[in-house]
Structures are given as structure tokens and as C-alpha cells.
Amino acid sequence: MTERERRKFSRVFFRIETLINYNGSIIKGTVDNISLSGMFIKIDEKISQGETINFTISLAGVSSNLILKLCGKVVRITPEGVGVLFKKMDLESFIHLRNIVAYNGENSEKVIDEFLNYVKENFDDRPYES
């Protein structure tokens, strides 16, 4: 089975700057591709595999600026950068991420199905009890 066949989520090319908070320093990187579960970031600095990093992506629009706040684990290292598996993000960031992948991919319906399957697999459907 190829890596593409193992992936549960569509991956799209999306080039944008990201700021990584790592060991008390801010590292600039460039997102190369992104999915609902992770991304590949091109960076010059070295980050060890297994490290947890916090990073932000700023999306500037006509009427507003959006900042995605993400937390992930470095799961792959290449000479060009790092592959990151998302571990934590707020709901607003996740919704914007879904939109980025859906609107930049070839099949937005597939991305929406992936999103719905992710929600079904990861969230309890019992009613909220206070």
C-alpha cells in the first residue's frame, strides 16, 4: 500500500508562511501542503522528530485577518523540512482548515465527507450533560 493510499485525508498544495514556536524561539517556515490531519512545513532550522510544536498561520482577507492556532507533533523529517501531525487546535481553526483543503483541492465533496467521518470517529454523539 502506498503512502497516498494510507492517507485518510486529502492533501492539497497550499503555500503560506507559518510561525513556529519551538524551544522559546520563533522559526519562520513555509507550508508546502496541508490536510485535515497534518502538513509539511519547509524550514531551514532543525527540529527533532517526536517534538511537539505550536504554530500559527495568518490568513489575510479583504475585510478581516484570521489566525489559525495549531499544535502538532513532528512525525517526519526531510532535508527540506518537517511533516507535522496535528494534535490540537481550536474549532474555528479546524473549520478554516477544512475550508482551505476543500477550496484548494480537486474534490471538495470528498473533503467534506472526510471532515464528517472525522467528526463521527472523534466526537461522542451523546447529548451534552451539564
C-alpha atoms as a PDB file:
ATOM      1  CA  MET A   1       0.000   0.000   0.000  1.00  0.00           C
ATOM      2  CA  THR A   2       1.390   3.398  -0.955  1.00  0.00           C
ATOM      3  CA  GLU A   3       1.555   6.383   1.377  1.00  0.00           C
ATOM      4  CA  ARG A   4      -1.216   8.049  -0.645  1.00  0.00           C
ATOM      5  CA  GLU A   5      -3.497   5.011  -0.190  1.00  0.00           C
ATOM      6  CA  ARG A   6      -2.874   5.018   3.594  1.00  0.00           C
ATOM      7  CA  ARG A   7      -3.870   8.657   3.974  1.00  0.00           C
ATOM      8  CA  LYS A   8      -7.340   9.226   5.359  1.00  0.00           C
ATOM      9  CA  PHE A   9      -7.424  12.875   4.310  1.00  0.00           C
ATOM     10  CA  SER A  10      -6.955  14.716   1.028  1.00  0.00           C
ATOM     11  CA  ARG A  11      -3.733  16.689   0.844  1.00  0.00           C
ATOM     12  CA  VAL A  12      -3.536  19.930  -1.136  1.00  0.00           C
ATOM     13  CA  PHE A  13      -0.699  22.220  -2.096  1.00  0.00           C
ATOM     14  CA  PHE A  14      -1.046  25.431  -0.130  1.00  0.00           C
ATOM     15  CA  ARG A  15       1.880  27.825   0.127  1.00  0.00           C
ATOM     16  CA  ILE A  16       1.754  30.245   3.042  1.00  0.00           C
ATOM     17  CA  GLU A  17       4.092  31.428   5.758  1.00  0.00           C
ATOM     18  CA  THR A  18       3.841  29.934   9.235  1.00  0.00           C
ATOM     19  CA  LEU A  19       5.470  30.936  12.510  1.00  0.00           C
ATOM     20  CA  ILE A  20       6.633  28.061  14.694  1.00  0.00           C
ATOM     21  CA  ASN A  21       7.199  28.435  18.435  1.00  0.00           C
ATOM     22  CA  TYR A  22       9.945  25.945  19.300  1.00  0.00           C
ATOM     23  CA  ASN A  23      12.252  25.920  22.338  1.00  0.00           C
ATOM     24  CA  GLY A  24      11.465  29.545  23.129  1.00  0.00           C
ATOM     25  CA  SER A  25      12.298  30.747  19.613  1.00  0.00           C
ATOM     26  CA  ILE A  26      10.122  31.767  16.698  1.00  0.00           C
ATOM     27  CA  ILE A  27      11.028  29.982  13.471  1.00  0.00           C
ATOM     28  CA  LYS A  28       9.681  31.085  10.100  1.00  0.00           C
ATOM     29  CA  GLY A  29       8.574  28.335   7.770  1.00  0.00           C
ATOM     30  CA  THR A  30       6.519  27.871   4.637  1.00  0.00           C
ATOM     31  CA  VAL A  31       3.604  25.475   4.478  1.00  0.00           C
ATOM     32  CA  ASP A  32       4.050  23.303   1.388  1.00  0.00           C
ATOM     33  CA  ASN A  33       0.971  21.086   1.600  1.00  0.00           C
ATOM     34  CA  ILE A  34      -1.828  20.587   4.078  1.00  0.00           C
ATOM     35  CA  SER A  35      -4.644  18.199   5.005  1.00  0.00           C
ATOM     36  CA  LEU A  36      -7.172  17.922   7.827  1.00  0.00           C
ATOM     37  CA  SER A  37      -4.673  15.815   9.765  1.00  0.00           C
ATOM     38  CA  GLY A  38      -1.337  17.494   9.149  1.00  0.00           C
ATOM     39  CA  MET A  39       1.016  19.461   6.939  1.00  0.00           C
ATOM     40  CA  PHE A  40       4.518  19.632   5.555  1.00  0.00           C
ATOM     41  CA  ILE A  41       6.485  22.754   6.506  1.00  0.00           C
ATOM     42  CA  LYS A  42       9.630  23.832   4.703  1.00  0.00           C
ATOM     43  CA  ILE A  43      12.162  25.174   7.228  1.00  0.00           C
ATOM     44  CA  ASP A  44      15.917  25.694   7.430  1.00  0.00           C
ATOM     45  CA  GLU A  45      16.218  25.045  11.169  1.00  0.00           C
ATOM     46  CA  LYS A  46      16.318  21.533  12.590  1.00  0.00           C
ATOM     47  CA  ILE A  47      13.504  20.224  14.773  1.00  0.00           C
ATOM     48  CA  SER A  48      13.739  16.712  16.176  1.00  0.00           C
ATOM     49  CA  GLN A  49      11.246  14.016  15.263  1.00  0.00           C
ATOM     50  CA  GLY A  50       8.704  13.475  18.034  1.00  0.00           C
ATOM     51  CA  GLU A  51       8.825  17.117  19.197  1.00  0.00           C
ATOM     52  CA  THR A  52       5.561  18.944  19.809  1.00  0.00           C
ATOM     53  CA  ILE A  53       5.410  22.390  18.224  1.00  0.00           C
ATOM     54  CA  ASN A  54       2.921  25.239  18.314  1.00  0.00           C
ATOM     55  CA  PHE A  55       2.498  27.293  15.179  1.00  0.00           C
ATOM     56  CA  THR A  56       0.258  29.892  13.597  1.00  0.00           C
ATOM     57  CA  ILE A  57      -0.884  30.643  10.082  1.00  0.00           C
ATOM     58  CA  SER A  58      -2.193  34.115   9.274  1.00  0.00           C
ATOM     59  CA  LEU A  59      -4.815  34.394   6.559  1.00  0.00           C
ATOM     60  CA  ALA A  60      -5.309  37.979   5.421  1.00  0.00           C
ATOM     61  CA  GLY A  61      -8.645  38.718   3.807  1.00  0.00           C
ATOM     62  CA  VAL A  62     -10.302  41.774   2.350  1.00  0.00           C
ATOM     63  CA  SER A  63     -12.294  42.551   5.482  1.00  0.00           C
ATOM     64  CA  SER A  64     -10.520  40.586   8.199  1.00  0.00           C
ATOM     65  CA  ASN A  65      -7.435  38.685   9.249  1.00  0.00           C
ATOM     66  CA  LEU A  66      -7.729  35.130  10.503  1.00  0.00           C
ATOM     67  CA  ILE A  67      -5.106  33.393  12.585  1.00  0.00           C
ATOM     68  CA  LEU A  68      -5.071  29.600  12.766  1.00  0.00           C
ATOM     69  CA  LYS A  69      -3.510  28.383  16.010  1.00  0.00           C
ATOM     70  CA  LEU A  70      -2.266  24.820  15.729  1.00  0.00           C
ATOM     71  CA  CYS A  71      -0.313  22.310  17.753  1.00  0.00           C
ATOM     72  CA  GLY A  72       1.318  19.281  16.208  1.00  0.00           C
ATOM     73  CA  LYS A  73       3.892  16.553  16.529  1.00  0.00           C
ATOM     74  CA  VAL A  74       6.835  16.276  14.132  1.00  0.00           C
ATOM     75  CA  VAL A  75       6.424  12.849  12.529  1.00  0.00           C
ATOM     76  CA  ARG A  76       8.737  13.109   9.523  1.00  0.00           C
ATOM     77  CA  ILE A  77      11.976  14.924   8.775  1.00  0.00           C
ATOM     78  CA  THR A  78      13.496  15.569   5.347  1.00  0.00           C
ATOM     79  CA  PRO A  79      16.309  17.859   4.217  1.00  0.00           C
ATOM     80  CA  GLU A  80      13.610  20.371   3.137  1.00  0.00           C
ATOM     81  CA  GLY A  81      11.534  20.444   6.311  1.00  0.00           C
ATOM     82  CA  VAL A  82       9.186  18.552   8.624  1.00  0.00           C
ATOM     83  CA  GLY A  83       5.924  16.646   8.415  1.00  0.00           C
ATOM     84  CA  VAL A  84       3.591  17.530  11.269  1.00  0.00           C
ATOM     85  CA  LEU A  85       0.582  15.593  12.550  1.00  0.00           C
ATOM     86  CA  PHE A  86      -1.986  17.905  14.124  1.00  0.00           C
ATOM     87  CA  LYS A  87      -2.607  17.246  17.806  1.00  0.00           C
ATOM     88  CA  LYS A  88      -4.677  20.198  18.930  1.00  0.00           C
ATOM     89  CA  MET A  89      -6.477  23.226  17.502  1.00  0.00           C
ATOM     90  CA  ASP A  90      -9.499  25.298  18.326  1.00  0.00           C
ATOM     91  CA  LEU A  91     -12.776  24.717  16.491  1.00  0.00           C
ATOM     92  CA  GLU A  92     -12.529  27.928  14.468  1.00  0.00           C
ATOM     93  CA  SER A  93      -9.060  26.945  13.209  1.00  0.00           C
ATOM     94  CA  PHE A  94     -10.332  23.479  12.282  1.00  0.00           C
ATOM     95  CA  ILE A  95     -13.238  24.923  10.291  1.00  0.00           C
ATOM     96  CA  HIS A  96     -10.898  27.297   8.423  1.00  0.00           C
ATOM     97  CA  LEU A  97      -8.527  24.401   7.789  1.00  0.00           C
ATOM     98  CA  ARG A  98     -11.396  22.363   6.345  1.00  0.00           C
ATOM     99  CA  ASN A  99     -12.277  25.266   4.054  1.00  0.00           C
ATOM    100  CA  ILE A 100      -8.664  25.661   2.897  1.00  0.00           C
ATOM    101  CA  VAL A 101      -8.455  21.989   1.965  1.00  0.00           C
ATOM    102  CA  ALA A 102     -11.929  21.898   0.375  1.00  0.00           C
ATOM    103  CA  TYR A 103     -11.435  25.011  -1.763  1.00  0.00           C
ATOM    104  CA  ASN A 104      -7.883  24.210  -2.868  1.00  0.00           C
ATOM    105  CA  GLY A 105      -8.456  20.541  -3.650  1.00  0.00           C
ATOM    106  CA  GLU A 106      -9.853  18.854  -6.706  1.00  0.00           C
ATOM    107  CA  ASN A 107     -12.855  17.312  -4.952  1.00  0.00           C
ATOM    108  CA  SER A 108     -14.485  19.481  -2.279  1.00  0.00           C
ATOM    109  CA  GLU A 109     -17.273  16.930  -1.674  1.00  0.00           C
ATOM    110  CA  LYS A 110     -14.659  14.295  -0.760  1.00  0.00           C
ATOM    111  CA  VAL A 111     -13.095  16.710   1.746  1.00  0.00           C
ATOM    112  CA  ILE A 112     -16.473  17.398   3.343  1.00  0.00           C
ATOM    113  CA  ASP A 113     -17.053  13.625   3.627  1.00  0.00           C
ATOM    114  CA  GLU A 114     -13.598  13.243   5.230  1.00  0.00           C
ATOM    115  CA  PHE A 115     -14.483  16.018   7.682  1.00  0.00           C
ATOM    116  CA  LEU A 116     -17.819  14.419   8.607  1.00  0.00           C
ATOM    117  CA  ASN A 117     -16.183  10.991   9.055  1.00  0.00           C
ATOM    118  CA  TYR A 118     -13.520  12.584  11.257  1.00  0.00           C
ATOM    119  CA  VAL A 119     -16.190  14.196  13.446  1.00  0.00           C
ATOM    120  CA  LYS A 120     -18.124  10.910  13.707  1.00  0.00           C
ATOM    121  CA  GLU A 121     -14.975   8.974  14.685  1.00  0.00           C
ATOM    122  CA  ASN A 122     -13.652  11.523  17.177  1.00  0.00           C
ATOM    123  CA  PHE A 123     -16.643  13.040  18.906  1.00  0.00           C
ATOM    124  CA  ASP A 124     -19.199  11.391  21.116  1.00  0.00           C
ATOM    125  CA  ASP A 125     -22.754  11.725  19.809  1.00  0.00           C
ATOM    126  CA  ARG A 126     -24.381  11.603  23.249  1.00  0.00           C
ATOM    127  CA  PRO A 127     -26.139  14.807  24.295  1.00  0.00           C
ATOM    128  CA  TYR A 128     -24.184  17.223  26.415  1.00  0.00           C
ATOM    129  CA  GLU A 129     -24.967  16.975  30.130  1.00  0.00           C
ATOM    130  CA  SER A 130     -24.309  19.949  32.374  1.00  0.00           C
END
